[in-house]
Amino acid sequence: ALFFDENYGARAAAASGGATQGPVLQGRLPVLMLLGVVVSVFEASMFVFVSEWFRCITHFDFQPNIGLLFSMFMMACLCGSSASTLLGTRLKPPQRLAIAFGASFLAFGASAFAVTLPEDSVGGAIGLFAAFLIFEFFVGVYFPSVGVLKSDIVPEEVRGLIYNLYRLPLNIIIVVMLLSGFASVTKFRILSLLMLVGFGSVMGIVSLRARDGGRELGQKLRDGGQELAAV
């Protein structure tokens, strides 16, 4: 150590990276906030669903095979993930997310209706389980789609910070829902509303990205025109 100079390159790089984080975030702040809403409402609804599905299934007068039901949930999630991959060349991530939020809204709405049916309603039990399978399918669609969208939107320099900030509203929603003491029907109605909020946020992301893309294209055309004029 006595014969080598100290290398401060990493420190300088870290300092220069921190200096550029402000402008990077400022230019993308609206779309980052909308993405945070998308992540928070969907993943919070997933955790609330995990806490409610068993209670709702056992509301009806039959003894289900819990292991079989859980396996079917996991299979539905796997099928959704595979479908997201197969449709990757035809549907962009925001389109897949919009479909996932729309279908989840219908699934939670159907669940809210099913849990109000009598305990001996066979149709209610089947409808509730079908709604749960639909939601699990689109959980599988959600994760690959939002992963690609986050990698496109969130700058790599601040990715860890932004992802940690997204967890704050997510955990707040989960804690409020779990400690509220709401009945299952009320929770499913709230989750349906959250899916609408998420759908609107996805549409907002699409709109902002289209506007920003148009600005970038216009700037490139103006720069090209100036170069031609200079020649």
C-alpha atoms as a PDB file:
ATOM      1  CA  ALA A   1       0.000   0.000   0.000  1.00  0.00           C
ATOM      2  CA  LEU A   2       2.977   2.337   0.556  1.00  0.00           C
ATOM      3  CA  PHE A   3       4.034   2.154  -3.097  1.00  0.00           C
ATOM      4  CA  PHE A   4       0.660   2.769  -4.803  1.00  0.00           C
ATOM      5  CA  ASP A   5      -1.350   5.959  -5.105  1.00  0.00           C
ATOM      6  CA  GLU A   6      -4.922   6.019  -3.850  1.00  0.00           C
ATOM      7  CA  ASN A   7      -7.520   5.492  -6.583  1.00  0.00           C
ATOM      8  CA  TYR A   8     -10.464   7.881  -6.206  1.00  0.00           C
ATOM      9  CA  GLY A   9     -12.130   6.979  -9.476  1.00  0.00           C
ATOM     10  CA  ALA A  10     -15.127   5.215  -7.921  1.00  0.00           C
ATOM     11  CA  ARG A  11     -15.748   8.137  -5.572  1.00  0.00           C
ATOM     12  CA  ALA A  12     -15.637  10.608  -8.439  1.00  0.00           C
ATOM     13  CA  ALA A  13     -18.018   8.462 -10.495  1.00  0.00           C
ATOM     14  CA  ALA A  14     -20.432   8.192  -7.592  1.00  0.00           C
ATOM     15  CA  ALA A  15     -20.332  11.952  -7.065  1.00  0.00           C
ATOM     16  CA  SER A  16     -20.941  12.700 -10.726  1.00  0.00           C
ATOM     17  CA  GLY A  17     -23.764  10.139 -10.817  1.00  0.00           C
ATOM     18  CA  GLY A  18     -25.465  11.755  -7.823  1.00  0.00           C
ATOM     19  CA  ALA A  19     -25.204  15.174  -9.463  1.00  0.00           C
ATOM     20  CA  THR A  20     -27.153  13.964 -12.492  1.00  0.00           C
ATOM     21  CA  GLN A  21     -29.942  12.217 -10.580  1.00  0.00           C
ATOM     22  CA  GLY A  22     -31.917  15.408 -10.057  1.00  0.00           C
ATOM     23  CA  PRO A  23     -32.366  16.300 -13.756  1.00  0.00           C
ATOM     24  CA  VAL A  24     -33.033  12.657 -14.654  1.00  0.00           C
ATOM     25  CA  LEU A  25     -35.835  12.379 -12.098  1.00  0.00           C
ATOM     26  CA  GLN A  26     -37.218  15.810 -12.902  1.00  0.00           C
ATOM     27  CA  GLY A  27     -37.717  14.931 -16.538  1.00  0.00           C
ATOM     28  CA  ARG A  28     -39.464  11.635 -15.753  1.00  0.00           C
ATOM     29  CA  LEU A  29     -41.242  12.462 -12.518  1.00  0.00           C
ATOM     30  CA  PRO A  30     -44.869  12.277 -13.778  1.00  0.00           C
ATOM     31  CA  VAL A  31     -44.444   8.912 -15.486  1.00  0.00           C
ATOM     32  CA  LEU A  32     -42.477   7.569 -12.505  1.00  0.00           C
ATOM     33  CA  MET A  33     -45.314   8.552 -10.180  1.00  0.00           C
ATOM     34  CA  LEU A  34     -47.892   6.852 -12.390  1.00  0.00           C
ATOM     35  CA  LEU A  35     -45.753   3.736 -12.527  1.00  0.00           C
ATOM     36  CA  GLY A  36     -45.618   3.798  -8.742  1.00  0.00           C
ATOM     37  CA  VAL A  37     -49.414   3.819  -8.629  1.00  0.00           C
ATOM     38  CA  VAL A  38     -49.537   0.858 -11.016  1.00  0.00           C
ATOM     39  CA  VAL A  39     -47.099  -1.177  -8.936  1.00  0.00           C
ATOM     40  CA  SER A  40     -48.631  -0.258  -5.583  1.00  0.00           C
ATOM     41  CA  VAL A  41     -52.278  -0.955  -6.331  1.00  0.00           C
ATOM     42  CA  PHE A  42     -51.783  -4.243  -8.159  1.00  0.00           C
ATOM     43  CA  GLU A  43     -49.248  -5.793  -5.821  1.00  0.00           C
ATOM     44  CA  ALA A  44     -51.184  -4.610  -2.767  1.00  0.00           C
ATOM     45  CA  SER A  45     -54.337  -6.233  -4.170  1.00  0.00           C
ATOM     46  CA  MET A  46     -52.378  -9.431  -4.617  1.00  0.00           C
ATOM     47  CA  PHE A  47     -51.364  -9.513  -0.945  1.00  0.00           C
ATOM     48  CA  VAL A  48     -54.898  -8.713   0.199  1.00  0.00           C
ATOM     49  CA  PHE A  49     -56.209 -11.491  -2.032  1.00  0.00           C
ATOM     50  CA  VAL A  50     -53.791 -13.949  -0.393  1.00  0.00           C
ATOM     51  CA  SER A  51     -55.244 -13.060   3.003  1.00  0.00           C
ATOM     52  CA  GLU A  52     -58.868 -13.422   1.857  1.00  0.00           C
ATOM     53  CA  TRP A  53     -59.189 -16.272  -0.599  1.00  0.00           C
ATOM     54  CA  PHE A  54     -59.280 -19.137   1.923  1.00  0.00           C
ATOM     55  CA  ARG A  55     -61.879 -17.447   4.112  1.00  0.00           C
ATOM     56  CA  CYS A  56     -64.098 -16.753   1.109  1.00  0.00           C
ATOM     57  CA  ILE A  57     -63.809 -20.249  -0.352  1.00  0.00           C
ATOM     58  CA  THR A  58     -64.723 -21.861   2.975  1.00  0.00           C
ATOM     59  CA  HIS A  59     -67.735 -19.546   3.250  1.00  0.00           C
ATOM     60  CA  PHE A  60     -69.667 -22.058   1.156  1.00  0.00           C
ATOM     61  CA  ASP A  61     -70.955 -25.405   2.412  1.00  0.00           C
ATOM     62  CA  PHE A  62     -68.376 -27.749   0.948  1.00  0.00           C
ATOM     63  CA  GLN A  63     -64.974 -29.017   1.999  1.00  0.00           C
ATOM     64  CA  PRO A  64     -62.494 -28.093  -0.733  1.00  0.00           C
ATOM     65  CA  ASN A  65     -59.121 -29.727  -1.214  1.00  0.00           C
ATOM     66  CA  ILE A  66     -56.992 -26.710  -0.304  1.00  0.00           C
ATOM     67  CA  GLY A  67     -53.830 -28.171  -1.786  1.00  0.00           C
ATOM     68  CA  LEU A  68     -55.584 -28.770  -5.103  1.00  0.00           C
ATOM     69  CA  LEU A  69     -57.046 -25.254  -5.155  1.00  0.00           C
ATOM     70  CA  PHE A  70     -53.677 -23.687  -4.397  1.00  0.00           C
ATOM     71  CA  SER A  71     -52.033 -25.780  -7.112  1.00  0.00           C
ATOM     72  CA  MET A  72     -54.625 -24.556  -9.592  1.00  0.00           C
ATOM     73  CA  PHE A  73     -53.893 -20.973  -8.571  1.00  0.00           C
ATOM     74  CA  MET A  74     -50.202 -21.500  -9.230  1.00  0.00           C
ATOM     75  CA  MET A  75     -50.959 -23.156 -12.559  1.00  0.00           C
ATOM     76  CA  ALA A  76     -53.153 -20.222 -13.579  1.00  0.00           C
ATOM     77  CA  CYS A  77     -50.330 -17.828 -12.657  1.00  0.00           C
ATOM     78  CA  LEU A  78     -47.845 -19.865 -14.701  1.00  0.00           C
ATOM     79  CA  CYS A  79     -50.210 -19.898 -17.677  1.00  0.00           C
ATOM     80  CA  GLY A  80     -50.534 -16.113 -17.428  1.00  0.00           C
ATOM     81  CA  SER A  81     -46.774 -15.697 -17.419  1.00  0.00           C
ATOM     82  CA  SER A  82     -46.469 -17.943 -20.475  1.00  0.00           C
ATOM     83  CA  ALA A  83     -49.248 -16.057 -22.246  1.00  0.00           C
ATOM     84  CA  SER A  84     -47.466 -12.771 -21.550  1.00  0.00           C
ATOM     85  CA  THR A  85     -44.318 -14.159 -23.157  1.00  0.00           C
ATOM     86  CA  LEU A  86     -46.176 -15.536 -26.181  1.00  0.00           C
ATOM     87  CA  LEU A  87     -48.008 -12.253 -26.727  1.00  0.00           C
ATOM     88  CA  GLY A  88     -44.879 -10.174 -26.225  1.00  0.00           C
ATOM     89  CA  THR A  89     -44.424  -9.579 -29.953  1.00  0.00           C
ATOM     90  CA  ARG A  90     -48.064  -8.574 -30.484  1.00  0.00           C
ATOM     91  CA  LEU A  91     -48.939  -6.585 -27.375  1.00  0.00           C
ATOM     92  CA  LYS A  92     -46.676  -4.059 -25.717  1.00  0.00           C
ATOM     93  CA  PRO A  93     -46.275  -4.151 -21.914  1.00  0.00           C
ATOM     94  CA  PRO A  94     -48.697  -1.230 -21.296  1.00  0.00           C
ATOM     95  CA  GLN A  95     -51.341  -2.981 -23.392  1.00  0.00           C
ATOM     96  CA  ARG A  96     -50.910  -6.222 -21.460  1.00  0.00           C
ATOM     97  CA  LEU A  97     -51.094  -4.311 -18.177  1.00  0.00           C
ATOM     98  CA  ALA A  98     -54.253  -2.511 -19.252  1.00  0.00           C
ATOM     99  CA  ILE A  99     -55.880  -5.859 -20.034  1.00  0.00           C
ATOM    100  CA  ALA A 100     -54.680  -7.264 -16.689  1.00  0.00           C
ATOM    101  CA  PHE A 101     -56.171  -4.364 -14.746  1.00  0.00           C
ATOM    102  CA  GLY A 102     -59.450  -4.525 -16.659  1.00  0.00           C
ATOM    103  CA  ALA A 103     -59.821  -8.267 -16.145  1.00  0.00           C
ATOM    104  CA  SER A 104     -58.844  -7.978 -12.466  1.00  0.00           C
ATOM    105  CA  PHE A 105     -61.489  -5.292 -12.002  1.00  0.00           C
ATOM    106  CA  LEU A 106     -64.127  -7.693 -13.328  1.00  0.00           C
ATOM    107  CA  ALA A 107     -62.721 -10.571 -11.247  1.00  0.00           C
ATOM    108  CA  PHE A 108     -62.883  -8.614  -7.997  1.00  0.00           C
ATOM    109  CA  GLY A 109     -66.329  -7.315  -8.858  1.00  0.00           C
ATOM    110  CA  ALA A 110     -67.536 -10.873  -9.430  1.00  0.00           C
ATOM    111  CA  SER A 111     -65.877 -11.953  -6.180  1.00  0.00           C
ATOM    112  CA  ALA A 112     -67.651  -9.201  -4.258  1.00  0.00           C
ATOM    113  CA  PHE A 113     -70.963 -10.424  -5.649  1.00  0.00           C
ATOM    114  CA  ALA A 114     -70.235 -14.130  -5.064  1.00  0.00           C
ATOM    115  CA  VAL A 115     -69.423 -13.770  -1.356  1.00  0.00           C
ATOM    116  CA  THR A 116     -72.868 -12.257  -0.761  1.00  0.00           C
ATOM    117  CA  LEU A 117     -74.625 -15.383  -2.041  1.00  0.00           C
ATOM    118  CA  PRO A 118     -76.019 -18.018   0.353  1.00  0.00           C
ATOM    119  CA  GLU A 119     -73.657 -20.603   1.773  1.00  0.00           C
ATOM    120  CA  ASP A 120     -75.363 -23.434  -0.105  1.00  0.00           C
ATOM    121  CA  SER A 121     -75.049 -21.731  -3.501  1.00  0.00           C
ATOM    122  CA  VAL A 122     -73.096 -24.037  -5.789  1.00  0.00           C
ATOM    123  CA  GLY A 123     -73.043 -21.430  -8.539  1.00  0.00           C
ATOM    124  CA  GLY A 124     -71.636 -18.883  -6.118  1.00  0.00           C
ATOM    125  CA  ALA A 125     -68.806 -21.198  -5.109  1.00  0.00           C
ATOM    126  CA  ILE A 126     -67.949 -22.003  -8.719  1.00  0.00           C
ATOM    127  CA  GLY A 127     -68.158 -18.365  -9.770  1.00  0.00           C
ATOM    128  CA  LEU A 128     -65.956 -17.249  -6.898  1.00  0.00           C
ATOM    129  CA  PHE A 129     -63.303 -19.823  -7.682  1.00  0.00           C
ATOM    130  CA  ALA A 130     -63.414 -18.923 -11.373  1.00  0.00           C
ATOM    131  CA  ALA A 131     -62.925 -15.245 -10.500  1.00  0.00           C
ATOM    132  CA  PHE A 132     -59.946 -16.152  -8.333  1.00  0.00           C
ATOM    133  CA  LEU A 133     -58.418 -18.170 -11.173  1.00  0.00           C
ATOM    134  CA  ILE A 134     -58.848 -15.239 -13.553  1.00  0.00           C
ATOM    135  CA  PHE A 135     -57.074 -12.914 -11.149  1.00  0.00           C
ATOM    136  CA  GLU A 136     -54.233 -15.389 -10.661  1.00  0.00           C
ATOM    137  CA  PHE A 137     -53.873 -15.735 -14.421  1.00  0.00           C
ATOM    138  CA  PHE A 138     -53.401 -11.993 -14.761  1.00  0.00           C
ATOM    139  CA  VAL A 139     -50.987 -11.944 -11.841  1.00  0.00           C
ATOM    140  CA  GLY A 140     -48.862 -14.072 -14.129  1.00  0.00           C
ATOM    141  CA  VAL A 141     -49.372 -11.581 -16.951  1.00  0.00           C
ATOM    142  CA  TYR A 142     -48.571  -8.632 -14.697  1.00  0.00           C
ATOM    143  CA  PHE A 143     -45.079  -9.443 -13.468  1.00  0.00           C
ATOM    144  CA  PRO A 144     -43.264  -9.937 -16.811  1.00  0.00           C
ATOM    145  CA  SER A 145     -45.070  -6.936 -18.268  1.00  0.00           C
ATOM    146  CA  VAL A 146     -44.365  -4.535 -15.414  1.00  0.00           C
ATOM    147  CA  GLY A 147     -40.770  -5.740 -15.250  1.00  0.00           C
ATOM    148  CA  VAL A 148     -40.166  -4.655 -18.841  1.00  0.00           C
ATOM    149  CA  LEU A 149     -42.014  -1.375 -18.286  1.00  0.00           C
ATOM    150  CA  LYS A 150     -39.997  -0.544 -15.171  1.00  0.00           C
ATOM    151  CA  SER A 151     -36.722  -1.247 -16.954  1.00  0.00           C
ATOM    152  CA  ASP A 152     -37.784   1.130 -19.746  1.00  0.00           C
ATOM    153  CA  ILE A 153     -38.990   3.955 -17.496  1.00  0.00           C
ATOM    154  CA  VAL A 154     -36.876   3.942 -14.333  1.00  0.00           C
ATOM    155  CA  PRO A 155     -33.310   5.223 -14.882  1.00  0.00           C
ATOM    156  CA  GLU A 156     -30.683   2.698 -13.897  1.00  0.00           C
ATOM    157  CA  GLU A 157     -28.841   5.267 -11.759  1.00  0.00           C
ATOM    158  CA  VAL A 158     -31.772   5.583  -9.328  1.00  0.00           C
ATOM    159  CA  ARG A 159     -33.489   2.240  -9.820  1.00  0.00           C
ATOM    160  CA  GLY A 160     -32.906   0.972  -6.274  1.00  0.00           C
ATOM    161  CA  LEU A 161     -34.158   4.219  -4.751  1.00  0.00           C
ATOM    162  CA  ILE A 162     -37.304   4.335  -6.879  1.00  0.00           C
ATOM    163  CA  TYR A 163     -38.185   0.690  -6.273  1.00  0.00           C
ATOM    164  CA  ASN A 164     -37.863   1.218  -2.510  1.00  0.00           C
ATOM    165  CA  LEU A 165     -40.106   4.286  -2.710  1.00  0.00           C
ATOM    166  CA  TYR A 166     -42.723   2.237  -4.546  1.00  0.00           C
ATOM    167  CA  ARG A 167     -42.909  -0.099  -1.560  1.00  0.00           C
ATOM    168  CA  LEU A 168     -44.065   2.681   0.762  1.00  0.00           C
ATOM    169  CA  PRO A 169     -47.593   3.192  -0.658  1.00  0.00           C
ATOM    170  CA  LEU A 170     -47.808  -0.540  -1.368  1.00  0.00           C
ATOM    171  CA  ASN A 171     -47.250  -1.391   2.301  1.00  0.00           C
ATOM    172  CA  ILE A 172     -49.576   1.382   3.454  1.00  0.00           C
ATOM    173  CA  ILE A 173     -52.418  -0.048   1.366  1.00  0.00           C
ATOM    174  CA  ILE A 174     -51.768  -3.562   2.651  1.00  0.00           C
ATOM    175  CA  VAL A 175     -51.650  -2.540   6.317  1.00  0.00           C
ATOM    176  CA  VAL A 176     -54.785  -0.394   6.071  1.00  0.00           C
ATOM    177  CA  MET A 177     -56.730  -3.145   4.319  1.00  0.00           C
ATOM    178  CA  LEU A 178     -55.625  -5.888   6.704  1.00  0.00           C
ATOM    179  CA  LEU A 179     -56.190  -3.885   9.893  1.00  0.00           C
ATOM    180  CA  SER A 180     -59.406  -2.188   8.812  1.00  0.00           C
ATOM    181  CA  GLY A 181     -61.668  -5.059   9.819  1.00  0.00           C
ATOM    182  CA  PHE A 182     -63.681  -4.696   6.618  1.00  0.00           C
ATOM    183  CA  ALA A 183     -65.826  -7.579   5.470  1.00  0.00           C
ATOM    184  CA  SER A 184     -64.601  -9.542   2.463  1.00  0.00           C
ATOM    185  CA  VAL A 185     -67.223  -8.011   0.185  1.00  0.00           C
ATOM    186  CA  THR A 186     -66.034  -4.509   1.124  1.00  0.00           C
ATOM    187  CA  LYS A 187     -62.402  -5.430   0.523  1.00  0.00           C
ATOM    188  CA  PHE A 188     -63.192  -6.826  -2.916  1.00  0.00           C
ATOM    189  CA  ARG A 189     -65.092  -3.672  -3.809  1.00  0.00           C
ATOM    190  CA  ILE A 190     -62.148  -1.551  -2.736  1.00  0.00           C
ATOM    191  CA  LEU A 191     -59.810  -3.749  -4.760  1.00  0.00           C
ATOM    192  CA  SER A 192     -62.056  -3.279  -7.792  1.00  0.00           C
ATOM    193  CA  LEU A 193     -61.729   0.484  -7.406  1.00  0.00           C
ATOM    194  CA  LEU A 194     -57.965   0.152  -7.072  1.00  0.00           C
ATOM    195  CA  MET A 195     -57.906  -1.780 -10.344  1.00  0.00           C
ATOM    196  CA  LEU A 196     -59.671   1.135 -12.014  1.00  0.00           C
ATOM    197  CA  VAL A 197     -57.074   3.494 -10.573  1.00  0.00           C
ATOM    198  CA  GLY A 198     -54.327   1.255 -11.918  1.00  0.00           C
ATOM    199  CA  PHE A 199     -55.972   1.100 -15.342  1.00  0.00           C
ATOM    200  CA  GLY A 200     -56.136   4.886 -15.475  1.00  0.00           C
ATOM    201  CA  SER A 201     -52.486   5.111 -14.456  1.00  0.00           C
ATOM    202  CA  VAL A 202     -51.461   2.747 -17.260  1.00  0.00           C
ATOM    203  CA  MET A 203     -53.363   4.911 -19.737  1.00  0.00           C
ATOM    204  CA  GLY A 204     -51.617   7.966 -18.306  1.00  0.00           C
ATOM    205  CA  ILE A 205     -48.224   6.330 -18.824  1.00  0.00           C
ATOM    206  CA  VAL A 206     -49.109   5.563 -22.430  1.00  0.00           C
ATOM    207  CA  SER A 207     -50.212   9.152 -22.996  1.00  0.00           C
ATOM    208  CA  LEU A 208     -47.113  10.696 -21.401  1.00  0.00           C
ATOM    209  CA  ARG A 209     -44.724   8.413 -23.268  1.00  0.00           C
ATOM    210  CA  ALA A 210     -46.446   9.173 -26.568  1.00  0.00           C
ATOM    211  CA  ARG A 211     -46.182  12.907 -25.878  1.00  0.00           C
ATOM    212  CA  ASP A 212     -42.528  12.657 -24.889  1.00  0.00           C
ATOM    213  CA  GLY A 213     -41.821  10.523 -27.949  1.00  0.00           C
ATOM    214  CA  GLY A 214     -43.418  13.147 -30.165  1.00  0.00           C
ATOM    215  CA  ARG A 215     -41.291  15.856 -28.575  1.00  0.00           C
ATOM    216  CA  GLU A 216     -38.106  13.852 -29.117  1.00  0.00           C
ATOM    217  CA  LEU A 217     -39.031  13.216 -32.753  1.00  0.00           C
ATOM    218  CA  GLY A 218     -39.776  16.898 -33.295  1.00  0.00           C
ATOM    219  CA  GLN A 219     -36.473  17.892 -31.733  1.00  0.00           C
ATOM    220  CA  LYS A 220     -34.584  15.444 -33.967  1.00  0.00           C
ATOM    221  CA  LEU A 221     -36.331  16.845 -37.050  1.00  0.00           C
ATOM    222  CA  ARG A 222     -35.481  20.411 -36.037  1.00  0.00           C
ATOM    223  CA  ASP A 223     -31.855  19.452 -35.381  1.00  0.00           C
ATOM    224  CA  GLY A 224     -31.682  17.728 -38.761  1.00  0.00           C
ATOM    225  CA  GLY A 225     -33.134  20.782 -40.484  1.00  0.00           C
ATOM    226  CA  GLN A 226     -30.596  23.045 -38.831  1.00  0.00           C
ATOM    227  CA  GLU A 227     -27.741  20.785 -39.955  1.00  0.00           C
ATOM    228  CA  LEU A 228     -29.021  20.829 -43.539  1.00  0.00           C
ATOM    229  CA  ALA A 229     -29.347  24.605 -43.442  1.00  0.00           C
ATOM    230  CA  ALA A 230     -25.798  24.922 -42.155  1.00  0.00           C
ATOM    231  CA  VAL A 231     -24.534  22.794 -45.051  1.00  0.00           C
END
